[in-house]
Every structure is written in structure tokens, then in C-alpha cells.
Amino acid sequence: MYHGGDPAAAAALYGILRDDWLDLSTGINPHAWPWRQRVEFDDVALERLPSRGDLESLTTAARAAYRVPDETEILPVAGIEPVIRQLPSLVRKAVLLDTSYASYRTAFDDEIPVLRGPSEIPARSSVILVNPNNPDGRILSPETILSLAESRQDADLVVVDEAYEDALSERASVVPLMSRMQNLVVLRSFGKFYGLPGLRLGFIIAHPPTIAPLRERLGDWPVSQLAITIGRHALADREWQEKTRLRLDTQAHELRALLAAHALQFESQSPLLALIRDDRAAEMHRGLAAHGIWTRIFTDRPGSLRLGLPGDESEFRRLEVALKEILPS
């Protein structure tokens, strides 16, 4: 799968209606920010282009939510995917720290080296990493990332994709420390934690010399009025954010307990992801699909099966019943 979140082909293959699937193929929060209840849509002026003030209201909210230092710039974008495709124009020789995101390899025409750990990174190269990582949820400390940036200050960038960081109760973002290193670039996805991937909103955080060419390429209206309005309200909703992190932690613990009860080996430092390591991964993927549960496997990682987080008790029970039927007791 190139991306999770689209079981339409599976619906045809297994004869199960699209609406009857439990989609666990993504790492998206199943508890979306309640935009229908929290936003007055009379405030969404789709009849005009976003003004500079509209964009500033969004970036102000994002600056506070992500704890962006004053001297560091923040640029809203229509999702992180277009930015990933721009990376070859920003970095010279680059390496990719182990991740399943196919978009990074595609952006570099599959010619970017993929390394398994920080110790393998060569001295003179830019580094792209995902933290927490996808699909295994591995977390590097901000200090480790700062050390990587410090070791390559001569025009080599360290690009950190923090798409899953918002969901962590113990925060691991390097953003608050960016004033210490000029060669850090951080990508923040809005859709995963807020459960609204269809809004297509994200942010690039970097120092002015790095962000300037991207700002010029993306133009005067990088995001829509709808994204601006929903984004700035959600980013300012601290109470929802804190309650949601606690809720995700509780449900992640329940998912891990369920997997452990079936003697499944897994990795999961992010509440939104659990990566099962098992020689039966492909068989489990097909077995769960036959029960209308869509998961994610990886052509470059045989023996790996990734689960997202079920949204409620009925979804947990559905997964539990399916595992009991497809795994030997």
C-alpha cells in the first residue's frame, strides 16, 4: 500500500461494502476534533481569497500550539505531501532514516539511501527522519536530533517529520529548541492528531533562509479559508488536546493488552500506531480483511503488520473476535 485509509479496493475483493469496514490501516486519531460543533460557519468566507490577516491568525495559533521560537518562521501548507515533493530542491546529498513513508523515496526518485539507525548516518549529508517514526513508533529524543543537526551545520539540513508528535503525552518535539540550530526543518501534520486528514493542512517550521524559497513557490494562498478557520480554532483548543491525549493513552494501553493476550510481538511508542512483528503478518492481514478489518502491510517489511487505534469498545471487540478466529489458541 502506498498510503493507508482507502479500503475501496478491498471492498471489491472481499465483497464487503465500503461502509462496513473497520479501517485500521491509518495512524489517524479516530476521535476527530468536533468541528461541526465548534466552528461558526458564517465566519468562513469562501466568497473571497484568504487575506494576510487570515493567514496570520492561523500561524499565530500554530506558533503557540507548537511552541515555535520567535526567530523561527512557520508556513501553513495544504498538507505535508506537497512539501515532501519539494525536499530535493532544498537539500543536497540526503539520507532517509528508516521509515515506511513511500513519499520520501518517491520524491527522490527512489535514489535516497534508507538507513536503519542514527549510527549509520554519514558525516556530510542532510538527514530526513520521522519522529515518532512510522510504522514502528520509535522516538528519538530532542537532544539526539539536536546532536545530529550540530554535527552537520555546514549547509546540511536535518528535516524532522513530526506528524505523530501531537498525540504524545510526554512531548518529544524539537521545535521549542530550534533557536539553537539554524539547519533544522520541522514538518507538522494537522490531520493525524485532530482526526481531520481531509482538511489538508500542515505546517513547515524553519529559519528564514530555508523557508523563503518554499514560501515563494507555494504562493500567496497556500491554504483555504476553511482550513484557516478550522485550524486556528482547533489549535487553540487546549482542553480538547489534553483530554484527547489521555484518551488515546488509555485506548493504546487497551490495544497493547489485546495484542499481548494473543502472544503477538509488537512495537508501539506512539498511541496511534502498533506494529506487529510476526511471520504470519500477510496471513493475518488477509484473515482480518475477511472479517472486514483493514490493516496495513509493507512490501519492504515482510513480517510486519500495522494497526491503527480502534475508536470505541465495539471496534475493540470486533478486533478481538477476529483475532480469536484467525489465530490458533
C-alpha atoms as a PDB file:
ATOM      1  CA  MET A   1       0.000   0.000   0.000  1.00  0.00           C
ATOM      2  CA  TYR A   2       1.259   3.462  -0.850  1.00  0.00           C
ATOM      3  CA  HIS A   3      -0.990   5.043   1.786  1.00  0.00           C
ATOM      4  CA  GLY A   4      -3.452   3.673   4.304  1.00  0.00           C
ATOM      5  CA  GLY A   5      -7.022   4.821   4.623  1.00  0.00           C
ATOM      6  CA  ASP A   6      -8.604   3.607   1.382  1.00  0.00           C
ATOM      7  CA  PRO A   7     -10.151   0.121   1.615  1.00  0.00           C
ATOM      8  CA  ALA A   8     -12.218   0.630  -1.554  1.00  0.00           C
ATOM      9  CA  ALA A   9     -10.222  -1.964  -3.497  1.00  0.00           C
ATOM     10  CA  ALA A  10     -10.504  -4.384  -0.585  1.00  0.00           C
ATOM     11  CA  ALA A  11     -14.271  -3.862  -0.574  1.00  0.00           C
ATOM     12  CA  ALA A  12     -14.467  -5.194  -4.097  1.00  0.00           C
ATOM     13  CA  LEU A  13     -12.013  -8.027  -3.421  1.00  0.00           C
ATOM     14  CA  TYR A  14     -13.747  -9.308  -0.285  1.00  0.00           C
ATOM     15  CA  GLY A  15     -17.333  -8.425  -1.207  1.00  0.00           C
ATOM     16  CA  ILE A  16     -17.790  -6.240   1.864  1.00  0.00           C
ATOM     17  CA  LEU A  17     -19.497  -2.868   1.480  1.00  0.00           C
ATOM     18  CA  ARG A  18     -17.247   0.174   1.958  1.00  0.00           C
ATOM     19  CA  ASP A  19     -19.214   1.433   4.968  1.00  0.00           C
ATOM     20  CA  ASP A  20     -18.982  -1.950   6.695  1.00  0.00           C
ATOM     21  CA  TRP A  21     -15.191  -1.886   7.056  1.00  0.00           C
ATOM     22  CA  LEU A  22     -13.298  -1.140  10.246  1.00  0.00           C
ATOM     23  CA  ASP A  23     -10.365   0.792   8.814  1.00  0.00           C
ATOM     24  CA  LEU A  24      -7.267   0.354  10.975  1.00  0.00           C
ATOM     25  CA  SER A  25      -4.863   0.955   8.091  1.00  0.00           C
ATOM     26  CA  THR A  26      -4.140   4.560   9.081  1.00  0.00           C
ATOM     27  CA  GLY A  27      -2.491   6.218  12.061  1.00  0.00           C
ATOM     28  CA  ILE A  28      -5.235   8.831  12.305  1.00  0.00           C
ATOM     29  CA  ASN A  29      -6.923   9.704  15.598  1.00  0.00           C
ATOM     30  CA  PRO A  30     -10.381   8.064  15.490  1.00  0.00           C
ATOM     31  CA  HIS A  31     -11.732  10.864  17.722  1.00  0.00           C
ATOM     32  CA  ALA A  32     -11.767  13.886  15.442  1.00  0.00           C
ATOM     33  CA  TRP A  33     -11.868  17.429  16.770  1.00  0.00           C
ATOM     34  CA  PRO A  34     -15.632  18.268  16.720  1.00  0.00           C
ATOM     35  CA  TRP A  35     -15.502  20.919  14.043  1.00  0.00           C
ATOM     36  CA  ARG A  36     -19.227  20.886  13.307  1.00  0.00           C
ATOM     37  CA  GLN A  37     -19.969  21.910  16.899  1.00  0.00           C
ATOM     38  CA  ARG A  38     -17.033  24.267  17.493  1.00  0.00           C
ATOM     39  CA  VAL A  39     -16.974  26.400  14.331  1.00  0.00           C
ATOM     40  CA  GLU A  40     -19.478  29.060  13.277  1.00  0.00           C
ATOM     41  CA  PHE A  41     -19.532  28.617   9.541  1.00  0.00           C
ATOM     42  CA  ASP A  42     -20.817  32.117   8.966  1.00  0.00           C
ATOM     43  CA  ASP A  43     -17.173  33.025   9.749  1.00  0.00           C
ATOM     44  CA  VAL A  44     -15.899  31.020   6.772  1.00  0.00           C
ATOM     45  CA  ALA A  45     -15.776  33.494   3.897  1.00  0.00           C
ATOM     46  CA  LEU A  46     -15.390  31.208   0.886  1.00  0.00           C
ATOM     47  CA  GLU A  47     -16.541  34.050  -1.357  1.00  0.00           C
ATOM     48  CA  ARG A  48     -13.119  35.721  -1.082  1.00  0.00           C
ATOM     49  CA  LEU A  49      -9.464  34.772  -1.031  1.00  0.00           C
ATOM     50  CA  PRO A  50      -7.729  34.446   2.335  1.00  0.00           C
ATOM     51  CA  SER A  51      -6.218  37.745   3.461  1.00  0.00           C
ATOM     52  CA  ARG A  52      -2.847  38.235   5.074  1.00  0.00           C
ATOM     53  CA  GLY A  53      -4.671  38.712   8.368  1.00  0.00           C
ATOM     54  CA  ASP A  54      -6.476  35.373   7.934  1.00  0.00           C
ATOM     55  CA  LEU A  55      -3.179  33.573   7.421  1.00  0.00           C
ATOM     56  CA  GLU A  56      -1.601  35.384  10.358  1.00  0.00           C
ATOM     57  CA  SER A  57      -4.424  34.266  12.650  1.00  0.00           C
ATOM     58  CA  LEU A  58      -3.670  30.652  11.703  1.00  0.00           C
ATOM     59  CA  THR A  59       0.096  30.951  12.081  1.00  0.00           C
ATOM     60  CA  THR A  60      -0.320  32.688  15.448  1.00  0.00           C
ATOM     61  CA  ALA A  61      -2.398  29.763  16.716  1.00  0.00           C
ATOM     62  CA  ALA A  62       0.089  27.259  15.304  1.00  0.00           C
ATOM     63  CA  ARG A  63       3.056  29.130  16.794  1.00  0.00           C
ATOM     64  CA  ALA A  64       1.518  28.877  20.250  1.00  0.00           C
ATOM     65  CA  ALA A  65       0.394  25.249  19.873  1.00  0.00           C
ATOM     66  CA  TYR A  66       3.760  24.029  18.573  1.00  0.00           C
ATOM     67  CA  ARG A  67       5.831  26.304  20.851  1.00  0.00           C
ATOM     68  CA  VAL A  68       7.712  27.868  17.939  1.00  0.00           C
ATOM     69  CA  PRO A  69      10.559  30.241  18.942  1.00  0.00           C
ATOM     70  CA  ASP A  70      10.108  33.873  17.872  1.00  0.00           C
ATOM     71  CA  GLU A  71      13.064  33.862  15.473  1.00  0.00           C
ATOM     72  CA  THR A  72      11.770  30.768  13.659  1.00  0.00           C
ATOM     73  CA  GLU A  73       9.194  31.063  10.878  1.00  0.00           C
ATOM     74  CA  ILE A  74       6.104  28.952  10.304  1.00  0.00           C
ATOM     75  CA  LEU A  75       4.379  28.441   6.966  1.00  0.00           C
ATOM     76  CA  PRO A  76       0.938  26.804   6.570  1.00  0.00           C
ATOM     77  CA  VAL A  77       0.600  24.362   3.685  1.00  0.00           C
ATOM     78  CA  ALA A  78      -2.110  22.189   2.152  1.00  0.00           C
ATOM     79  CA  GLY A  79      -0.836  19.040   3.862  1.00  0.00           C
ATOM     80  CA  ILE A  80       2.736  17.848   4.142  1.00  0.00           C
ATOM     81  CA  GLU A  81       2.727  15.728   0.974  1.00  0.00           C
ATOM     82  CA  PRO A  82       3.458  18.667  -1.416  1.00  0.00           C
ATOM     83  CA  VAL A  83       6.323  19.759   0.838  1.00  0.00           C
ATOM     84  CA  ILE A  84       7.878  16.302   0.760  1.00  0.00           C
ATOM     85  CA  ARG A  85       7.956  16.542  -3.033  1.00  0.00           C
ATOM     86  CA  GLN A  86       9.836  19.859  -2.717  1.00  0.00           C
ATOM     87  CA  LEU A  87      12.606  18.487  -0.496  1.00  0.00           C
ATOM     88  CA  PRO A  88      15.044  17.611  -3.319  1.00  0.00           C
ATOM     89  CA  SER A  89      15.182  21.334  -4.146  1.00  0.00           C
ATOM     90  CA  LEU A  90      16.143  22.158  -0.538  1.00  0.00           C
ATOM     91  CA  VAL A  91      18.724  19.546   0.361  1.00  0.00           C
ATOM     92  CA  ARG A  92      21.862  18.355  -1.317  1.00  0.00           C
ATOM     93  CA  LYS A  93      23.016  14.786  -0.701  1.00  0.00           C
ATOM     94  CA  ALA A  94      20.438  13.326   1.718  1.00  0.00           C
ATOM     95  CA  VAL A  95      19.731  10.110   3.581  1.00  0.00           C
ATOM     96  CA  LEU A  96      16.441   8.863   4.984  1.00  0.00           C
ATOM     97  CA  LEU A  97      16.331   7.397   8.462  1.00  0.00           C
ATOM     98  CA  ASP A  98      14.259   4.226   8.421  1.00  0.00           C
ATOM     99  CA  THR A  99      10.584   4.956   7.718  1.00  0.00           C
ATOM    100  CA  SER A 100       7.753   3.428   5.726  1.00  0.00           C
ATOM    101  CA  TYR A 101       6.667   6.691   4.084  1.00  0.00           C
ATOM    102  CA  ALA A 102       6.934   5.930   0.377  1.00  0.00           C
ATOM    103  CA  SER A 103       6.506   9.633  -0.463  1.00  0.00           C
ATOM    104  CA  TYR A 104      10.046  10.443   0.649  1.00  0.00           C
ATOM    105  CA  ARG A 105      11.581   7.803  -1.586  1.00  0.00           C
ATOM    106  CA  THR A 106       9.339   8.833  -4.480  1.00  0.00           C
ATOM    107  CA  ALA A 107      10.371  12.477  -4.101  1.00  0.00           C
ATOM    108  CA  PHE A 108      13.995  11.435  -4.611  1.00  0.00           C
ATOM    109  CA  ASP A 109      13.172   9.000  -7.457  1.00  0.00           C
ATOM    110  CA  ASP A 110      13.927   6.050  -5.153  1.00  0.00           C
ATOM    111  CA  GLU A 111      17.596   7.056  -5.110  1.00  0.00           C
ATOM    112  CA  ILE A 112      17.819   8.187  -1.483  1.00  0.00           C
ATOM    113  CA  PRO A 113      19.678   5.793   0.847  1.00  0.00           C
ATOM    114  CA  VAL A 114      17.486   4.399   3.654  1.00  0.00           C
ATOM    115  CA  LEU A 115      19.443   3.799   6.863  1.00  0.00           C
ATOM    116  CA  ARG A 116      18.382   1.706   9.846  1.00  0.00           C
ATOM    117  CA  GLY A 117      19.679   3.876  12.685  1.00  0.00           C
ATOM    118  CA  PRO A 118      21.393   7.186  13.574  1.00  0.00           C
ATOM    119  CA  SER A 119      24.774   5.483  13.911  1.00  0.00           C
ATOM    120  CA  GLU A 120      24.746   4.719  10.159  1.00  0.00           C
ATOM    121  CA  ILE A 121      24.311   8.352   9.059  1.00  0.00           C
ATOM    122  CA  PRO A 122      27.367   9.639   7.153  1.00  0.00           C
ATOM    123  CA  ALA A 123      29.005  12.851   8.291  1.00  0.00           C
ATOM    124  CA  ARG A 124      28.334  15.022   5.238  1.00  0.00           C
ATOM    125  CA  SER A 125      24.728  14.595   4.248  1.00  0.00           C
ATOM    126  CA  SER A 126      21.345  16.036   5.046  1.00  0.00           C
ATOM    127  CA  VAL A 127      19.068  13.784   7.088  1.00  0.00           C
ATOM    128  CA  ILE A 128      15.329  13.195   6.828  1.00  0.00           C
ATOM    129  CA  LEU A 129      13.660  11.431   9.738  1.00  0.00           C
ATOM    130  CA  VAL A 130      10.182  10.834  11.124  1.00  0.00           C
ATOM    131  CA  ASN A 131       9.724  11.278  14.876  1.00  0.00           C
ATOM    132  CA  PRO A 132       7.756   9.386  16.176  1.00  0.00           C
ATOM    133  CA  ASN A 133       8.582   7.068  13.337  1.00  0.00           C
ATOM    134  CA  ASN A 134       6.119   5.355  11.049  1.00  0.00           C
ATOM    135  CA  PRO A 135       5.400   2.434  11.238  1.00  0.00           C
ATOM    136  CA  ASP A 136       7.137   1.367  14.466  1.00  0.00           C
ATOM    137  CA  GLY A 137       6.545   4.465  16.617  1.00  0.00           C
ATOM    138  CA  ARG A 138      10.247   4.767  17.519  1.00  0.00           C
ATOM    139  CA  ILE A 139      11.011   8.066  19.259  1.00  0.00           C
ATOM    140  CA  LEU A 140      14.309   9.940  19.156  1.00  0.00           C
ATOM    141  CA  SER A 141      14.891  12.462  21.915  1.00  0.00           C
ATOM    142  CA  PRO A 142      15.116  16.158  21.008  1.00  0.00           C
ATOM    143  CA  GLU A 143      18.704  16.067  22.280  1.00  0.00           C
ATOM    144  CA  THR A 144      19.609  13.291  19.820  1.00  0.00           C
ATOM    145  CA  ILE A 145      18.141  15.293  16.951  1.00  0.00           C
ATOM    146  CA  LEU A 146      19.943  18.452  18.070  1.00  0.00           C
ATOM    147  CA  SER A 147      23.188  16.499  18.114  1.00  0.00           C
ATOM    148  CA  LEU A 148      22.551  15.361  14.535  1.00  0.00           C
ATOM    149  CA  ALA A 149      21.948  18.967  13.483  1.00  0.00           C
ATOM    150  CA  GLU A 150      25.022  20.215  15.314  1.00  0.00           C
ATOM    151  CA  SER A 151      27.237  17.693  13.533  1.00  0.00           C
ATOM    152  CA  ARG A 152      26.232  18.999  10.101  1.00  0.00           C
ATOM    153  CA  GLN A 153      25.948  22.763  10.425  1.00  0.00           C
ATOM    154  CA  ASP A 154      27.777  23.450   7.164  1.00  0.00           C
ATOM    155  CA  ALA A 155      24.639  23.762   4.992  1.00  0.00           C
ATOM    156  CA  ASP A 156      23.341  20.228   5.652  1.00  0.00           C
ATOM    157  CA  LEU A 157      19.732  20.158   6.849  1.00  0.00           C
ATOM    158  CA  VAL A 158      18.033  17.883   9.353  1.00  0.00           C
ATOM    159  CA  VAL A 159      14.386  17.552   8.314  1.00  0.00           C
ATOM    160  CA  VAL A 160      12.120  16.160  11.053  1.00  0.00           C
ATOM    161  CA  ASP A 161       8.611  14.977  10.210  1.00  0.00           C
ATOM    162  CA  GLU A 162       6.652  15.259  13.473  1.00  0.00           C
ATOM    163  CA  ALA A 163       3.294  14.126  12.083  1.00  0.00           C
ATOM    164  CA  TYR A 164       2.580  11.927  15.124  1.00  0.00           C
ATOM    165  CA  GLU A 165       4.096  14.105  17.863  1.00  0.00           C
ATOM    166  CA  ASP A 166       0.875  15.868  18.882  1.00  0.00           C
ATOM    167  CA  ALA A 167      -0.548  12.610  20.242  1.00  0.00           C
ATOM    168  CA  LEU A 168       2.271  12.067  22.768  1.00  0.00           C
ATOM    169  CA  SER A 169       1.570  12.814  26.417  1.00  0.00           C
ATOM    170  CA  GLU A 170       5.318  13.131  27.010  1.00  0.00           C
ATOM    171  CA  ARG A 171       6.167  15.609  24.302  1.00  0.00           C
ATOM    172  CA  ALA A 172       9.169  14.876  22.070  1.00  0.00           C
ATOM    173  CA  SER A 173       9.148  17.836  19.686  1.00  0.00           C
ATOM    174  CA  VAL A 174      12.405  19.513  18.761  1.00  0.00           C
ATOM    175  CA  VAL A 175      10.527  22.695  17.767  1.00  0.00           C
ATOM    176  CA  PRO A 176      10.961  24.581  21.078  1.00  0.00           C
ATOM    177  CA  LEU A 177      14.741  24.103  20.741  1.00  0.00           C
ATOM    178  CA  MET A 178      15.059  25.258  17.131  1.00  0.00           C
ATOM    179  CA  SER A 179      16.638  28.587  18.062  1.00  0.00           C
ATOM    180  CA  ARG A 180      19.775  26.595  18.918  1.00  0.00           C
ATOM    181  CA  MET A 181      20.236  25.179  15.402  1.00  0.00           C
ATOM    182  CA  GLN A 182      19.714  27.039  12.128  1.00  0.00           C
ATOM    183  CA  ASN A 183      19.697  23.894   9.976  1.00  0.00           C
ATOM    184  CA  LEU A 184      16.615  22.243  11.479  1.00  0.00           C
ATOM    185  CA  VAL A 185      13.389  21.961   9.476  1.00  0.00           C
ATOM    186  CA  VAL A 186      10.254  20.526  11.094  1.00  0.00           C
ATOM    187  CA  LEU A 187       7.121  19.352   9.288  1.00  0.00           C
ATOM    188  CA  ARG A 188       3.891  19.237  11.299  1.00  0.00           C
ATOM    189  CA  SER A 189       0.772  17.469  10.083  1.00  0.00           C
ATOM    190  CA  PHE A 190      -2.578  18.718  11.386  1.00  0.00           C
ATOM    191  CA  GLY A 191      -4.811  15.900  10.183  1.00  0.00           C
ATOM    192  CA  LYS A 192      -3.464  12.930  12.148  1.00  0.00           C
ATOM    193  CA  PHE A 193      -3.918  14.149  15.724  1.00  0.00           C
ATOM    194  CA  TYR A 194      -7.017  16.239  15.043  1.00  0.00           C
ATOM    195  CA  GLY A 195      -8.555  13.406  13.021  1.00  0.00           C
ATOM    196  CA  LEU A 196      -9.244  15.614  10.001  1.00  0.00           C
ATOM    197  CA  PRO A 197      -6.920  14.466   7.171  1.00  0.00           C
ATOM    198  CA  GLY A 198      -9.389  15.643   4.541  1.00  0.00           C
ATOM    199  CA  LEU A 199      -8.853  19.244   5.592  1.00  0.00           C
ATOM    200  CA  ARG A 200      -5.346  19.093   4.051  1.00  0.00           C
ATOM    201  CA  LEU A 201      -3.447  21.299   6.483  1.00  0.00           C
ATOM    202  CA  GLY A 202       0.115  21.203   7.733  1.00  0.00           C
ATOM    203  CA  PHE A 203       2.981  23.496   8.678  1.00  0.00           C
ATOM    204  CA  ILE A 204       6.647  23.945   7.802  1.00  0.00           C
ATOM    205  CA  ILE A 205       8.758  25.328  10.638  1.00  0.00           C
ATOM    206  CA  ALA A 206      12.229  26.566   9.740  1.00  0.00           C
ATOM    207  CA  HIS A 207      14.564  29.535   9.839  1.00  0.00           C
ATOM    208  CA  PRO A 208      14.014  32.363   7.315  1.00  0.00           C
ATOM    209  CA  PRO A 209      16.713  31.423   4.733  1.00  0.00           C
ATOM    210  CA  THR A 210      15.325  27.895   4.443  1.00  0.00           C
ATOM    211  CA  ILE A 211      11.642  28.738   4.389  1.00  0.00           C
ATOM    212  CA  ALA A 212      11.868  31.670   1.951  1.00  0.00           C
ATOM    213  CA  PRO A 213      12.117  29.633  -1.292  1.00  0.00           C
ATOM    214  CA  LEU A 214       9.237  27.395  -0.212  1.00  0.00           C
ATOM    215  CA  ARG A 215       7.094  30.413   0.615  1.00  0.00           C
ATOM    216  CA  GLU A 216       7.764  31.801  -2.865  1.00  0.00           C
ATOM    217  CA  ARG A 217       6.938  28.513  -4.620  1.00  0.00           C
ATOM    218  CA  LEU A 218       3.714  27.935  -2.691  1.00  0.00           C
ATOM    219  CA  GLY A 219       2.354  31.406  -3.426  1.00  0.00           C
ATOM    220  CA  ASP A 220       0.123  33.869  -1.589  1.00  0.00           C
ATOM    221  CA  TRP A 221      -2.713  31.450  -0.745  1.00  0.00           C
ATOM    222  CA  PRO A 222      -1.162  28.167   0.414  1.00  0.00           C
ATOM    223  CA  VAL A 223      -4.280  27.025   2.320  1.00  0.00           C
ATOM    224  CA  SER A 224      -8.036  27.557   2.063  1.00  0.00           C
ATOM    225  CA  GLN A 225     -10.367  29.678   4.163  1.00  0.00           C
ATOM    226  CA  LEU A 226     -11.926  26.522   5.578  1.00  0.00           C
ATOM    227  CA  ALA A 227      -8.516  25.163   6.663  1.00  0.00           C
ATOM    228  CA  ILE A 228      -7.659  28.518   8.230  1.00  0.00           C
ATOM    229  CA  THR A 229     -10.876  28.713  10.242  1.00  0.00           C
ATOM    230  CA  ILE A 230     -10.968  25.118  11.478  1.00  0.00           C
ATOM    231  CA  GLY A 231      -7.216  25.041  12.019  1.00  0.00           C
ATOM    232  CA  ARG A 232      -6.941  28.126  14.204  1.00  0.00           C
ATOM    233  CA  HIS A 233      -9.887  27.073  16.389  1.00  0.00           C
ATOM    234  CA  ALA A 234      -8.601  23.527  16.871  1.00  0.00           C
ATOM    235  CA  LEU A 235      -5.014  24.589  17.543  1.00  0.00           C
ATOM    236  CA  ALA A 236      -6.234  26.901  20.306  1.00  0.00           C
ATOM    237  CA  ASP A 237      -8.422  24.242  21.956  1.00  0.00           C
ATOM    238  CA  ARG A 238      -6.049  23.213  24.760  1.00  0.00           C
ATOM    239  CA  GLU A 239      -8.714  21.451  26.812  1.00  0.00           C
ATOM    240  CA  TRP A 240      -9.635  19.130  23.932  1.00  0.00           C
ATOM    241  CA  GLN A 241      -5.966  18.427  23.210  1.00  0.00           C
ATOM    242  CA  GLU A 242      -5.146  17.381  26.780  1.00  0.00           C
ATOM    243  CA  LYS A 243      -8.277  15.260  27.194  1.00  0.00           C
ATOM    244  CA  THR A 244      -7.638  13.596  23.843  1.00  0.00           C
ATOM    245  CA  ARG A 245      -4.054  12.668  24.709  1.00  0.00           C
ATOM    246  CA  LEU A 246      -5.263  10.987  27.901  1.00  0.00           C
ATOM    247  CA  ARG A 247      -7.998   9.181  25.972  1.00  0.00           C
ATOM    248  CA  LEU A 248      -5.542   7.957  23.334  1.00  0.00           C
ATOM    249  CA  ASP A 249      -3.137   6.707  26.009  1.00  0.00           C
ATOM    250  CA  THR A 250      -5.932   4.717  27.651  1.00  0.00           C
ATOM    251  CA  GLN A 251      -7.037   3.147  24.382  1.00  0.00           C
ATOM    252  CA  ALA A 252      -3.457   2.454  23.280  1.00  0.00           C
ATOM    253  CA  HIS A 253      -2.934   0.551  26.543  1.00  0.00           C
ATOM    254  CA  GLU A 254      -6.078  -1.464  25.784  1.00  0.00           C
ATOM    255  CA  LEU A 255      -4.846  -2.286  22.277  1.00  0.00           C
ATOM    256  CA  ARG A 256      -1.430  -3.381  23.565  1.00  0.00           C
ATOM    257  CA  ALA A 257      -3.067  -5.587  26.181  1.00  0.00           C
ATOM    258  CA  LEU A 258      -5.236  -7.172  23.482  1.00  0.00           C
ATOM    259  CA  LEU A 259      -2.204  -7.920  21.292  1.00  0.00           C
ATOM    260  CA  ALA A 260      -0.231  -9.289  24.245  1.00  0.00           C
ATOM    261  CA  ALA A 261      -3.150 -11.553  25.163  1.00  0.00           C
ATOM    262  CA  HIS A 262      -2.730 -13.184  21.747  1.00  0.00           C
ATOM    263  CA  ALA A 263       1.048 -13.568  22.256  1.00  0.00           C
ATOM    264  CA  LEU A 264       1.757 -11.090  19.461  1.00  0.00           C
ATOM    265  CA  GLN A 265       5.085  -9.264  19.459  1.00  0.00           C
ATOM    266  CA  PHE A 266       4.711  -5.570  18.676  1.00  0.00           C
ATOM    267  CA  GLU A 267       6.342  -2.141  18.847  1.00  0.00           C
ATOM    268  CA  SER A 268       4.382   0.943  19.833  1.00  0.00           C
ATOM    269  CA  GLN A 269       5.728   4.138  21.357  1.00  0.00           C
ATOM    270  CA  SER A 270       3.017   6.182  19.655  1.00  0.00           C
ATOM    271  CA  PRO A 271      -0.591   5.750  20.829  1.00  0.00           C
ATOM    272  CA  LEU A 272      -1.775   5.937  17.219  1.00  0.00           C
ATOM    273  CA  LEU A 273       0.346   3.043  15.884  1.00  0.00           C
ATOM    274  CA  ALA A 274       1.097  -0.579  16.779  1.00  0.00           C
ATOM    275  CA  LEU A 275       3.468  -2.562  14.553  1.00  0.00           C
ATOM    276  CA  ILE A 276       3.137  -6.334  14.881  1.00  0.00           C
ATOM    277  CA  ARG A 277       6.251  -8.384  14.085  1.00  0.00           C
ATOM    278  CA  ASP A 278       5.157 -11.838  13.010  1.00  0.00           C
ATOM    279  CA  ASP A 279       5.972 -14.258  10.183  1.00  0.00           C
ATOM    280  CA  ARG A 280       2.204 -14.650   9.736  1.00  0.00           C
ATOM    281  CA  ALA A 281       1.682 -10.932   9.009  1.00  0.00           C
ATOM    282  CA  ALA A 282       0.401 -11.390   5.445  1.00  0.00           C
ATOM    283  CA  GLU A 283      -1.877 -14.237   6.551  1.00  0.00           C
ATOM    284  CA  MET A 284      -3.198 -12.120   9.446  1.00  0.00           C
ATOM    285  CA  HIS A 285      -3.810  -9.199   7.082  1.00  0.00           C
ATOM    286  CA  ARG A 286      -5.937 -11.410   4.825  1.00  0.00           C
ATOM    287  CA  GLY A 287      -7.722 -13.025   7.778  1.00  0.00           C
ATOM    288  CA  LEU A 288      -8.644  -9.687   9.314  1.00  0.00           C
ATOM    289  CA  ALA A 289      -9.743  -8.393   5.906  1.00  0.00           C
ATOM    290  CA  ALA A 290     -12.118 -11.341   5.594  1.00  0.00           C
ATOM    291  CA  HIS A 291     -13.698 -10.011   8.800  1.00  0.00           C
ATOM    292  CA  GLY A 292     -13.964  -6.506   7.338  1.00  0.00           C
ATOM    293  CA  ILE A 293     -10.950  -5.140   9.233  1.00  0.00           C
ATOM    294  CA  TRP A 294      -8.430  -3.352   7.036  1.00  0.00           C
ATOM    295  CA  THR A 295      -4.810  -3.190   8.219  1.00  0.00           C
ATOM    296  CA  ARG A 296      -1.544  -2.256   6.602  1.00  0.00           C
ATOM    297  CA  ILE A 297       1.310  -4.428   5.416  1.00  0.00           C
ATOM    298  CA  PHE A 298       4.515  -3.302   3.712  1.00  0.00           C
ATOM    299  CA  THR A 299       6.257  -4.778   0.692  1.00  0.00           C
ATOM    300  CA  ASP A 300       9.641  -3.690   2.066  1.00  0.00           C
ATOM    301  CA  ARG A 301       8.954  -5.098   5.559  1.00  0.00           C
ATOM    302  CA  PRO A 302       7.830  -8.714   5.321  1.00  0.00           C
ATOM    303  CA  GLY A 303       6.601  -9.967   8.650  1.00  0.00           C
ATOM    304  CA  SER A 304       5.199  -6.578   9.676  1.00  0.00           C
ATOM    305  CA  LEU A 305       1.542  -5.629  10.143  1.00  0.00           C
ATOM    306  CA  ARG A 306       0.498  -2.172  11.324  1.00  0.00           C
ATOM    307  CA  LEU A 307      -2.679  -1.433  13.237  1.00  0.00           C
ATOM    308  CA  GLY A 308      -4.211   1.924  13.925  1.00  0.00           C
ATOM    309  CA  LEU A 309      -6.283   2.575  17.026  1.00  0.00           C
ATOM    310  CA  PRO A 310      -9.880   1.282  17.249  1.00  0.00           C
ATOM    311  CA  GLY A 311     -12.251   4.111  18.076  1.00  0.00           C
ATOM    312  CA  ASP A 312     -14.561   2.585  20.705  1.00  0.00           C
ATOM    313  CA  GLU A 313     -15.399  -0.568  22.631  1.00  0.00           C
ATOM    314  CA  SER A 314     -17.438  -2.071  19.800  1.00  0.00           C
ATOM    315  CA  GLU A 315     -14.435  -1.753  17.469  1.00  0.00           C
ATOM    316  CA  PHE A 316     -12.114  -3.277  20.081  1.00  0.00           C
ATOM    317  CA  ARG A 317     -14.489  -6.219  20.498  1.00  0.00           C
ATOM    318  CA  ARG A 318     -14.717  -6.658  16.734  1.00  0.00           C
ATOM    319  CA  LEU A 319     -10.926  -6.822  16.516  1.00  0.00           C
ATOM    320  CA  GLU A 320     -10.748  -9.203  19.477  1.00  0.00           C
ATOM    321  CA  VAL A 321     -13.280 -11.606  17.953  1.00  0.00           C
ATOM    322  CA  ALA A 322     -11.451 -11.575  14.607  1.00  0.00           C
ATOM    323  CA  LEU A 323      -8.063 -12.271  16.241  1.00  0.00           C
ATOM    324  CA  LYS A 324      -9.531 -15.191  18.174  1.00  0.00           C
ATOM    325  CA  GLU A 325     -10.847 -16.695  14.954  1.00  0.00           C
ATOM    326  CA  ILE A 326      -7.739 -16.274  12.810  1.00  0.00           C
ATOM    327  CA  LEU A 327      -5.051 -17.135  15.401  1.00  0.00           C
ATOM    328  CA  PRO A 328      -4.580 -20.554  16.969  1.00  0.00           C
ATOM    329  CA  SER A 329      -5.442 -20.737  20.663  1.00  0.00           C
END
